[in-house]
């Protein structure tokens, strides 16, 4: 079963269900779009999920341990995720648009 992700294209007046492809057990924690089509969500599963089609579909692009609780991009290719791993705070740099 997949997480329910909803999207709007008219400033929030109407919402549609997107096929997220993200496992239902993942607790999503934050979202940021760097363009109209490219966006990222973090989850407590230690993965970063990425869309390149405006949120219609999402793919897992990053793992590495820990629970990711927030994300912030300073450009289209560079971002930072924050979270915790084994009781310690972590900050992870993303410098390739989250592709690896």
Protein backbone atom coordinates (compact mmCIF):
# COMPACT_ATOMS: atom_id res chain seq x y z
CA UNK A 1 0.00 0.00 0.00
CA UNK A 2 1.33 3.45 -0.88
CA UNK A 3 1.29 6.74 1.04
CA UNK A 4 -1.38 9.15 -0.06
CA UNK A 5 0.12 12.25 -1.64
CA UNK A 6 -2.23 14.94 -2.84
CA UNK A 7 -1.36 17.82 -5.13
CA UNK A 8 -2.84 21.07 -6.29
CA UNK A 9 -2.19 23.07 -9.44
CA UNK A 10 -4.54 25.97 -8.71
CA UNK A 11 -3.30 27.43 -5.44
CA UNK A 12 -5.14 24.94 -3.24
CA UNK A 13 -8.68 25.34 -4.57
CA UNK A 14 -8.78 21.70 -5.74
CA UNK A 15 -6.64 18.68 -4.85
CA UNK A 16 -6.00 15.41 -6.67
CA UNK A 17 -4.52 12.14 -5.48
CA UNK A 18 -1.07 11.37 -6.92
CA UNK A 19 0.37 7.86 -7.30
CA UNK A 20 3.22 8.32 -4.86
CA UNK A 21 4.70 4.83 -5.03
CA UNK A 22 5.99 5.47 -1.48
CA UNK A 23 5.39 2.63 0.94
CA UNK A 24 2.60 3.32 3.41
CA UNK A 25 4.88 2.56 6.38
CA UNK A 26 7.01 5.64 5.58
CA UNK A 27 6.08 8.63 7.72
CA UNK A 28 6.64 11.65 5.49
CA UNK A 29 8.08 14.63 7.34
CA UNK A 30 8.91 17.48 4.94
CA UNK A 31 8.59 18.57 1.32
CA UNK A 32 10.31 21.10 -0.92
CA UNK A 33 10.08 21.82 -4.63
CA UNK A 34 13.06 23.38 -6.43
CA UNK A 35 11.05 23.93 -9.63
CA UNK A 36 7.51 23.39 -10.85
CA UNK A 37 8.33 19.75 -11.66
CA UNK A 38 11.16 18.74 -9.31
CA UNK A 39 10.43 18.16 -5.65
CA UNK A 40 11.68 16.18 -2.68
CA UNK A 41 10.12 14.64 0.42
CA UNK A 42 11.85 13.23 3.48
CA UNK A 43 10.64 10.44 5.67
CA UNK A 44 11.42 8.62 8.84
CA UNK A 45 12.62 5.66 6.77
CA UNK A 46 15.99 7.38 6.02
CA UNK A 47 15.09 7.87 2.37
CA UNK A 48 14.76 10.96 0.25
CA UNK A 49 12.07 10.72 -2.40
CA UNK A 50 12.18 12.74 -5.61
CA UNK A 51 9.64 13.69 -8.26
CA UNK A 52 10.46 15.12 -11.67
CA UNK A 53 6.88 15.26 -12.94
CA UNK A 54 5.27 17.74 -10.59
CA UNK A 55 4.46 15.22 -7.87
CA UNK A 56 2.62 12.64 -9.95
CA UNK A 57 5.18 9.91 -9.20
CA UNK A 58 7.99 9.62 -6.64
CA UNK A 59 11.17 7.53 -6.56
CA UNK A 60 13.54 6.73 -3.73
CA UNK A 61 16.86 8.44 -4.36
CA UNK A 62 18.81 8.39 -1.12
CA UNK A 63 19.48 6.27 1.91
CA UNK A 64 22.22 6.17 4.42
CA UNK A 65 20.90 5.67 7.88
CA UNK A 66 18.81 7.72 10.19
CA UNK A 67 15.42 9.31 10.19
CA UNK A 68 15.15 12.34 7.93
CA UNK A 69 12.92 15.04 9.37
CA UNK A 70 13.51 18.06 7.17
CA UNK A 71 14.96 19.20 3.87
CA UNK A 72 16.08 22.51 2.41
CA UNK A 73 17.58 23.20 -1.02
CA UNK A 74 19.77 26.25 -1.62
CA UNK A 75 19.79 25.66 -5.40
CA UNK A 76 18.43 23.14 -7.91
CA UNK A 77 21.30 20.75 -7.16
CA UNK A 78 22.40 21.45 -3.57
CA UNK A 79 20.37 20.73 -0.48
CA UNK A 80 20.54 19.58 3.11
CA UNK A 81 18.51 17.08 5.06
CA UNK A 82 18.34 16.96 8.84
CA UNK A 83 17.35 14.18 11.16
CA UNK A 84 18.74 11.75 13.67
CA UNK A 85 20.64 8.48 13.70
CA UNK A 86 21.17 6.37 16.82
CA UNK A 87 20.12 9.27 19.04
CA UNK A 88 22.46 11.81 17.42
CA UNK A 89 21.50 14.75 15.24
CA UNK A 90 22.64 14.55 11.61
CA UNK A 91 22.90 16.92 8.67
CA UNK A 92 23.38 15.40 5.24
CA UNK A 93 24.49 17.40 2.20
CA UNK A 94 22.87 16.61 -1.12
CA UNK A 95 24.95 17.96 -3.98
CA UNK A 96 23.74 16.12 -7.05
CA UNK A 97 20.02 16.86 -7.07
CA UNK A 98 19.50 13.81 -4.85
CA UNK A 99 20.34 11.40 -7.65
CA UNK A 100 22.72 9.29 -5.55
